[in-house]
Amino acid sequence: MAILTDNLTYNKESNTLSGYASDLKISGGNTSHVVYNPKTQMSQYFNFIKADMDGSGEDTYGWNYQSKEGVNLLIIND
């Protein structure tokens, strides 16, 4: 299932799409995601890069992904 750009925010300075895992109804982690833009009818495939963890390594703050086009995706764990 693709993530719609309508459900993400975009930061032009960091070239990053972001959204909360609960709002997107997905889980982060060592997976890949497809983001689809209904306005352009184009999609990009995002590969897992790394997880942002707390100092103890027990809690995950978010998951980072990147497309081959260089766009970043951050899924925030809430």
PDB file of N, CA and C in Angstrom:
ATOM      1  N   MET A   1       0.832  -1.177   0.000  1.00  0.00           N
ATOM      2  CA  MET A   1       0.000   0.000   0.000  1.00  0.00           C
ATOM      3  C   MET A   1       0.884   1.251   0.000  1.00  0.00           C
ATOM      4  N   ALA A   2       0.587   2.184  -0.872  1.00  0.00           N
ATOM      5  CA  ALA A   2       1.386   3.397  -1.004  1.00  0.00           C
ATOM      6  C   ALA A   2       0.962   4.449   0.021  1.00  0.00           C
ATOM      7  N   ILE A   3       1.912   5.273   0.411  1.00  0.00           N
ATOM      8  CA  ILE A   3       1.655   6.432   1.254  1.00  0.00           C
ATOM      9  C   ILE A   3       1.349   7.594   0.310  1.00  0.00           C
ATOM     10  N   LEU A   4       0.251   8.290   0.552  1.00  0.00           N
ATOM     11  CA  LEU A   4      -0.113   9.426  -0.290  1.00  0.00           C
ATOM     12  C   LEU A   4       0.591  10.695   0.193  1.00  0.00           C
ATOM     13  N   THR A   5       1.081  11.495  -0.751  1.00  0.00           N
ATOM     14  CA  THR A   5       1.723  12.758  -0.379  1.00  0.00           C
ATOM     15  C   THR A   5       0.762  13.686   0.341  1.00  0.00           C
ATOM     16  N   ASP A   6      -0.536  13.522   0.119  1.00  0.00           N
ATOM     17  CA  ASP A   6      -1.543  14.347   0.808  1.00  0.00           C
ATOM     18  C   ASP A   6      -1.472  14.165   2.321  1.00  0.00           C
ATOM     19  N   ASN A   7      -0.932  13.029   2.778  1.00  0.00           N
ATOM     20  CA  ASN A   7      -0.851  12.717   4.207  1.00  0.00           C
ATOM     21  C   ASN A   7       0.512  13.031   4.811  1.00  0.00           C
ATOM     22  N   LEU A   8       1.371  13.698   4.033  1.00  0.00           N
ATOM     23  CA  LEU A   8       2.717  14.025   4.476  1.00  0.00           C
ATOM     24  C   LEU A   8       2.938  15.529   4.417  1.00  0.00           C
ATOM     25  N   THR A   9       3.891  16.006   5.199  1.00  0.00           N
ATOM     26  CA  THR A   9       4.338  17.388   5.074  1.00  0.00           C
ATOM     27  C   THR A   9       5.691  17.372   4.381  1.00  0.00           C
ATOM     28  N   TYR A  10       6.042  18.493   3.750  1.00  0.00           N
ATOM     29  CA  TYR A  10       7.289  18.570   3.006  1.00  0.00           C
ATOM     30  C   TYR A  10       8.111  19.750   3.488  1.00  0.00           C
ATOM     31  N   ASN A  11       9.383  19.498   3.787  1.00  0.00           N
ATOM     32  CA  ASN A  11      10.331  20.535   4.163  1.00  0.00           C
ATOM     33  C   ASN A  11      11.284  20.731   2.993  1.00  0.00           C
ATOM     34  N   LYS A  12      11.154  21.865   2.319  1.00  0.00           N
ATOM     35  CA  LYS A  12      11.954  22.135   1.115  1.00  0.00           C
ATOM     36  C   LYS A  12      13.444  22.226   1.437  1.00  0.00           C
ATOM     37  N   GLU A  13      13.796  22.823   2.583  1.00  0.00           N
ATOM     38  CA  GLU A  13      15.208  23.003   2.947  1.00  0.00           C
ATOM     39  C   GLU A  13      15.948  21.676   3.092  1.00  0.00           C
ATOM     40  N   SER A  14      15.288  20.680   3.667  1.00  0.00           N
ATOM     41  CA  SER A  14      15.933  19.375   3.866  1.00  0.00           C
ATOM     42  C   SER A  14      15.500  18.339   2.835  1.00  0.00           C
ATOM     43  N   ASN A  15      14.589  18.752   1.930  1.00  0.00           N
ATOM     44  CA  ASN A  15      14.073  17.844   0.889  1.00  0.00           C
ATOM     45  C   ASN A  15      13.491  16.577   1.531  1.00  0.00           C
ATOM     46  N   THR A  16      12.678  16.794   2.591  1.00  0.00           N
ATOM     47  CA  THR A  16      12.166  15.680   3.384  1.00  0.00           C
ATOM     48  C   THR A  16      10.649  15.694   3.476  1.00  0.00           C
ATOM     49  N   LEU A  17      10.042  14.565   3.176  1.00  0.00           N
ATOM     50  CA  LEU A  17       8.633  14.306   3.443  1.00  0.00           C
ATOM     51  C   LEU A  17       8.562  13.679   4.826  1.00  0.00           C
ATOM     52  N   SER A  18       7.546  14.031   5.612  1.00  0.00           N
ATOM     53  CA  SER A  18       7.435  13.427   6.939  1.00  0.00           C
ATOM     54  C   SER A  18       5.982  13.251   7.338  1.00  0.00           C
ATOM     55  N   GLY A  19       5.790  12.295   8.243  1.00  0.00           N
ATOM     56  CA  GLY A  19       4.465  12.032   8.772  1.00  0.00           C
ATOM     57  C   GLY A  19       4.566  11.122   9.981  1.00  0.00           C
ATOM     58  N   TYR A  20       3.495  11.117  10.770  1.00  0.00           N
ATOM     59  CA  TYR A  20       3.432  10.274  11.961  1.00  0.00           C
ATOM     60  C   TYR A  20       2.939   8.883  11.584  1.00  0.00           C
ATOM     61  N   ALA A  21       3.585   7.870  12.128  1.00  0.00           N
ATOM     62  CA  ALA A  21       3.244   6.485  11.819  1.00  0.00           C
ATOM     63  C   ALA A  21       1.767   6.200  12.099  1.00  0.00           C
ATOM     64  N   SER A  22       1.235   6.720  13.199  1.00  0.00           N
ATOM     65  CA  SER A  22      -0.162   6.444  13.534  1.00  0.00           C
ATOM     66  C   SER A  22      -1.122   7.099  12.541  1.00  0.00           C
ATOM     67  N   ASP A  23      -0.794   8.290  12.048  1.00  0.00           N
ATOM     68  CA  ASP A  23      -1.638   8.959  11.058  1.00  0.00           C
ATOM     69  C   ASP A  23      -1.610   8.223   9.718  1.00  0.00           C
ATOM     70  N   LEU A  24      -0.446   7.661   9.394  1.00  0.00           N
ATOM     71  CA  LEU A  24      -0.283   6.945   8.126  1.00  0.00           C
ATOM     72  C   LEU A  24      -0.764   5.505   8.206  1.00  0.00           C
ATOM     73  N   LYS A  25      -1.037   5.063   9.437  1.00  0.00           N
ATOM     74  CA  LYS A  25      -1.487   3.689   9.692  1.00  0.00           C
ATOM     75  C   LYS A  25      -0.489   2.656   9.156  1.00  0.00           C
ATOM     76  N   ILE A  26       0.787   2.954   9.420  1.00  0.00           N
ATOM     77  CA  ILE A  26       1.871   2.048   9.033  1.00  0.00           C
ATOM     78  C   ILE A  26       2.846   1.954  10.195  1.00  0.00           C
ATOM     79  N   SER A  27       3.729   1.006  10.107  1.00  0.00           N
ATOM     80  CA  SER A  27       4.812   0.932  11.079  1.00  0.00           C
ATOM     81  C   SER A  27       6.112   1.209  10.338  1.00  0.00           C
ATOM     82  N   GLY A  28       7.023   1.788  11.033  1.00  0.00           N
ATOM     83  CA  GLY A  28       8.335   2.035  10.445  1.00  0.00           C
ATOM     84  C   GLY A  28       9.184   0.795  10.576  1.00  0.00           C
ATOM     85  N   GLY A  29      10.449   0.980  10.432  1.00  0.00           N
ATOM     86  CA  GLY A  29      11.368  -0.133  10.599  1.00  0.00           C
ATOM     87  C   GLY A  29      12.110  -0.435   9.324  1.00  0.00           C
ATOM     88  N   ASN A  30      12.752  -1.564   9.324  1.00  0.00           N
ATOM     89  CA  ASN A  30      13.621  -1.962   8.216  1.00  0.00           C
ATOM     90  C   ASN A  30      12.777  -2.477   7.049  1.00  0.00           C
ATOM     91  N   THR A  31      11.962  -1.594   6.494  1.00  0.00           N
ATOM     92  CA  THR A  31      11.108  -1.919   5.369  1.00  0.00           C
ATOM     93  C   THR A  31      11.295  -0.844   4.306  1.00  0.00           C
ATOM     94  N   SER A  32      10.652  -0.984   3.201  1.00  0.00           N
ATOM     95  CA  SER A  32      10.648   0.039   2.164  1.00  0.00           C
ATOM     96  C   SER A  32       9.222   0.535   1.989  1.00  0.00           C
ATOM     97  N   HIS A  33       9.085   1.747   1.463  1.00  0.00           N
ATOM     98  CA  HIS A  33       7.768   2.335   1.261  1.00  0.00           C
ATOM     99  C   HIS A  33       7.690   2.991  -0.110  1.00  0.00           C
ATOM    100  N   VAL A  34       6.494   3.020  -0.657  1.00  0.00           N
ATOM    101  CA  VAL A  34       6.224   3.740  -1.893  1.00  0.00           C
ATOM    102  C   VAL A  34       5.380   4.948  -1.530  1.00  0.00           C
ATOM    103  N   VAL A  35       5.795   6.119  -2.023  1.00  0.00           N
ATOM    104  CA  VAL A  35       5.031   7.346  -1.817  1.00  0.00           C
ATOM    105  C   VAL A  35       4.455   7.748  -3.169  1.00  0.00           C
ATOM    106  N   TYR A  36       3.148   7.994  -3.181  1.00  0.00           N
ATOM    107  CA  TYR A  36       2.427   8.315  -4.413  1.00  0.00           C
ATOM    108  C   TYR A  36       1.852   9.726  -4.327  1.00  0.00           C
ATOM    109  N   ASN A  37       2.071  10.506  -5.386  1.00  0.00           N
ATOM    110  CA  ASN A  37       1.525  11.850  -5.480  1.00  0.00           C
ATOM    111  C   ASN A  37       0.348  11.822  -6.443  1.00  0.00           C
ATOM    112  N   PRO A  38      -0.887  11.933  -5.947  1.00  0.00           N
ATOM    113  CA  PRO A  38      -2.054  11.865  -6.826  1.00  0.00           C
ATOM    114  C   PRO A  38      -2.143  13.026  -7.819  1.00  0.00           C
ATOM    115  N   LYS A  39      -1.540  14.174  -7.494  1.00  0.00           N
ATOM    116  CA  LYS A  39      -1.582  15.316  -8.406  1.00  0.00           C
ATOM    117  C   LYS A  39      -0.746  15.068  -9.653  1.00  0.00           C
ATOM    118  N   THR A  40       0.443  14.496  -9.475  1.00  0.00           N
ATOM    119  CA  THR A  40       1.333  14.228 -10.616  1.00  0.00           C
ATOM    120  C   THR A  40       1.175  12.806 -11.143  1.00  0.00           C
ATOM    121  N   GLN A  41       0.501  11.970 -10.376  1.00  0.00           N
ATOM    122  CA  GLN A  41       0.333  10.545 -10.683  1.00  0.00           C
ATOM    123  C   GLN A  41       1.682   9.836 -10.804  1.00  0.00           C
ATOM    124  N   MET A  42       2.634  10.274  -9.983  1.00  0.00           N
ATOM    125  CA  MET A  42       3.970   9.680  -9.947  1.00  0.00           C
ATOM    126  C   MET A  42       4.215   9.099  -8.556  1.00  0.00           C
ATOM    127  N   SER A  43       5.105   8.126  -8.493  1.00  0.00           N
ATOM    128  CA  SER A  43       5.474   7.538  -7.210  1.00  0.00           C
ATOM    129  C   SER A  43       6.986   7.405  -7.117  1.00  0.00           C
ATOM    130  N   GLN A  44       7.471   7.322  -5.892  1.00  0.00           N
ATOM    131  CA  GLN A  44       8.884   7.084  -5.619  1.00  0.00           C
ATOM    132  C   GLN A  44       8.991   5.976  -4.583  1.00  0.00           C
ATOM    133  N   TYR A  45      10.019   5.172  -4.729  1.00  0.00           N
ATOM    134  CA  TYR A  45      10.301   4.061  -3.843  1.00  0.00           C
ATOM    135  C   TYR A  45      11.359   4.516  -2.843  1.00  0.00           C
ATOM    136  N   PHE A  46      11.095   4.344  -1.545  1.00  0.00           N
ATOM    137  CA  PHE A  46      12.002   4.785  -0.488  1.00  0.00           C
ATOM    138  C   PHE A  46      12.575   3.576   0.245  1.00  0.00           C
ATOM    139  N   ASN A  47      13.898   3.531   0.339  1.00  0.00           N
ATOM    140  CA  ASN A  47      14.594   2.468   1.057  1.00  0.00           C
ATOM    141  C   ASN A  47      14.973   2.930   2.459  1.00  0.00           C
ATOM    142  N   PHE A  48      14.917   1.996   3.405  1.00  0.00           N
ATOM    143  CA  PHE A  48      15.279   2.277   4.788  1.00  0.00           C
ATOM    144  C   PHE A  48      16.754   2.651   4.878  1.00  0.00           C
ATOM    145  N   ILE A  49      17.046   3.717   5.643  1.00  0.00           N
ATOM    146  CA  ILE A  49      18.422   4.164   5.867  1.00  0.00           C
ATOM    147  C   ILE A  49      18.853   3.887   7.310  1.00  0.00           C
ATOM    148  N   LYS A  50      18.068   4.435   8.272  1.00  0.00           N
ATOM    149  CA  LYS A  50      18.426   4.256   9.689  1.00  0.00           C
ATOM    150  C   LYS A  50      17.258   4.623  10.571  1.00  0.00           C
ATOM    151  N   ALA A  51      17.341   4.187  11.818  1.00  0.00           N
ATOM    152  CA  ALA A  51      16.351   4.543  12.834  1.00  0.00           C
ATOM    153  C   ALA A  51      16.969   5.550  13.789  1.00  0.00           C
ATOM    154  N   ASP A  52      16.179   6.520  14.226  1.00  0.00           N
ATOM    155  CA  ASP A  52      16.613   7.473  15.252  1.00  0.00           C
ATOM    156  C   ASP A  52      16.205   6.891  16.601  1.00  0.00           C
ATOM    157  N   MET A  53      17.199   6.621  17.455  1.00  0.00           N
ATOM    158  CA  MET A  53      16.958   5.965  18.734  1.00  0.00           C
ATOM    159  C   MET A  53      17.325   6.900  19.886  1.00  0.00           C
ATOM    160  N   ASP A  54      16.774   6.600  21.067  1.00  0.00           N
ATOM    161  CA  ASP A  54      17.189   7.336  22.255  1.00  0.00           C
ATOM    162  C   ASP A  54      18.564   6.838  22.693  1.00  0.00           C
ATOM    163  N   GLY A  55      19.116   7.466  23.702  1.00  0.00           N
ATOM    164  CA  GLY A  55      20.462   7.127  24.170  1.00  0.00           C
ATOM    165  C   GLY A  55      20.609   5.695  24.645  1.00  0.00           C
ATOM    166  N   SER A  56      19.550   5.103  25.151  1.00  0.00           N
ATOM    167  CA  SER A  56      19.628   3.732  25.643  1.00  0.00           C
ATOM    168  C   SER A  56      19.492   2.704  24.519  1.00  0.00           C
ATOM    169  N   GLY A  57      19.010   3.159  23.362  1.00  0.00           N
ATOM    170  CA  GLY A  57      18.799   2.240  22.250  1.00  0.00           C
ATOM    171  C   GLY A  57      17.524   1.423  22.373  1.00  0.00           C
ATOM    172  N   GLU A  58      16.684   1.764  23.355  1.00  0.00           N
ATOM    173  CA  GLU A  58      15.448   1.015  23.566  1.00  0.00           C
ATOM    174  C   GLU A  58      14.238   1.631  22.872  1.00  0.00           C
ATOM    175  N   ASP A  59      14.213   2.959  22.759  1.00  0.00           N
ATOM    176  CA  ASP A  59      13.063   3.643  22.180  1.00  0.00           C
ATOM    177  C   ASP A  59      13.419   4.233  20.821  1.00  0.00           C
ATOM    178  N   THR A  60      12.513   4.067  19.871  1.00  0.00           N
ATOM    179  CA  THR A  60      12.718   4.596  18.529  1.00  0.00           C
ATOM    180  C   THR A  60      11.907   5.867  18.354  1.00  0.00           C
ATOM    181  N   TYR A  61      12.585   6.939  17.924  1.00  0.00           N
ATOM    182  CA  TYR A  61      11.909   8.215  17.675  1.00  0.00           C
ATOM    183  C   TYR A  61      11.339   8.274  16.261  1.00  0.00           C
ATOM    184  N   GLY A  62      12.017   7.647  15.312  1.00  0.00           N
ATOM    185  CA  GLY A  62      11.554   7.681  13.936  1.00  0.00           C
ATOM    186  C   GLY A  62      12.434   6.851  13.026  1.00  0.00           C
ATOM    187  N   TRP A  63      11.973   6.706  11.779  1.00  0.00           N
ATOM    188  CA  TRP A  63      12.693   5.914  10.785  1.00  0.00           C
ATOM    189  C   TRP A  63      12.964   6.781   9.567  1.00  0.00           C
ATOM    190  N   ASN A  64      14.176   6.681   9.037  1.00  0.00           N
ATOM    191  CA  ASN A  64      14.608   7.492   7.905  1.00  0.00           C
ATOM    192  C   ASN A  64      14.749   6.633   6.648  1.00  0.00           C
ATOM    193  N   TYR A  65      14.264   7.180   5.551  1.00  0.00           N
ATOM    194  CA  TYR A  65      14.294   6.509   4.254  1.00  0.00           C
ATOM    195  C   TYR A  65      14.778   7.502   3.215  1.00  0.00           C
ATOM    196  N   GLN A  66      15.233   6.991   2.069  1.00  0.00           N
ATOM    197  CA  GLN A  66      15.626   7.871   0.974  1.00  0.00           C
ATOM    198  C   GLN A  66      15.310   7.201  -0.352  1.00  0.00           C
ATOM    199  N   SER A  67      14.873   8.025  -1.307  1.00  0.00           N
ATOM    200  CA  SER A  67      14.604   7.518  -2.650  1.00  0.00           C
ATOM    201  C   SER A  67      15.859   7.653  -3.489  1.00  0.00           C
ATOM    202  N   LYS A  68      15.916   6.945  -4.605  1.00  0.00           N
ATOM    203  CA  LYS A  68      17.082   7.055  -5.488  1.00  0.00           C
ATOM    204  C   LYS A  68      17.161   8.446  -6.111  1.00  0.00           C
ATOM    205  N   GLU A  69      16.041   9.187  -6.089  1.00  0.00           N
ATOM    206  CA  GLU A  69      16.012  10.556  -6.584  1.00  0.00           C
ATOM    207  C   GLU A  69      16.553  11.553  -5.549  1.00  0.00           C
ATOM    208  N   GLY A  70      16.886  11.069  -4.340  1.00  0.00           N
ATOM    209  CA  GLY A  70      17.470  11.916  -3.303  1.00  0.00           C
ATOM    210  C   GLY A  70      16.483  12.587  -2.371  1.00  0.00           C
ATOM    211  N   VAL A  71      15.219  12.183  -2.433  1.00  0.00           N
ATOM    212  CA  VAL A  71      14.201  12.719  -1.527  1.00  0.00           C
ATOM    213  C   VAL A  71      14.223  11.890  -0.247  1.00  0.00           C
ATOM    214  N   ASN A  72      14.116  12.560   0.900  1.00  0.00           N
ATOM    215  CA  ASN A  72      14.113  11.876   2.196  1.00  0.00           C
ATOM    216  C   ASN A  72      12.674  11.683   2.672  1.00  0.00           C
ATOM    217  N   LEU A  73      12.499  10.640   3.459  1.00  0.00           N
ATOM    218  CA  LEU A  73      11.218  10.362   4.098  1.00  0.00           C
ATOM    219  C   LEU A  73      11.492  10.045   5.560  1.00  0.00           C
ATOM    220  N   LEU A  74      10.788  10.748   6.452  1.00  0.00           N
ATOM    221  CA  LEU A  74      10.886  10.499   7.886  1.00  0.00           C
ATOM    222  C   LEU A  74       9.521  10.074   8.391  1.00  0.00           C
ATOM    223  N   ILE A  75       9.469   8.887   8.976  1.00  0.00           N
ATOM    224  CA  ILE A  75       8.256   8.421   9.638  1.00  0.00           C
ATOM    225  C   ILE A  75       8.503   8.529  11.125  1.00  0.00           C
ATOM    226  N   ILE A  76       7.699   9.362  11.771  1.00  0.00           N
ATOM    227  CA  ILE A  76       7.894   9.662  13.188  1.00  0.00           C
ATOM    228  C   ILE A  76       7.072   8.675  14.024  1.00  0.00           C
ATOM    229  N   ASN A  77       7.748   8.066  14.981  1.00  0.00           N
ATOM    230  CA  ASN A  77       7.106   7.121  15.893  1.00  0.00           C
ATOM    231  C   ASN A  77       6.425   7.896  16.998  1.00  0.00           C
ATOM    232  N   ASP A  78       5.121   7.768  17.058  1.00  0.00           N
ATOM    233  CA  ASP A  78       4.379   8.462  18.110  1.00  0.00           C
ATOM    234  C   ASP A  78       3.615   7.455  18.887  1.00  0.00           C
TER     235      ASP A  78
END
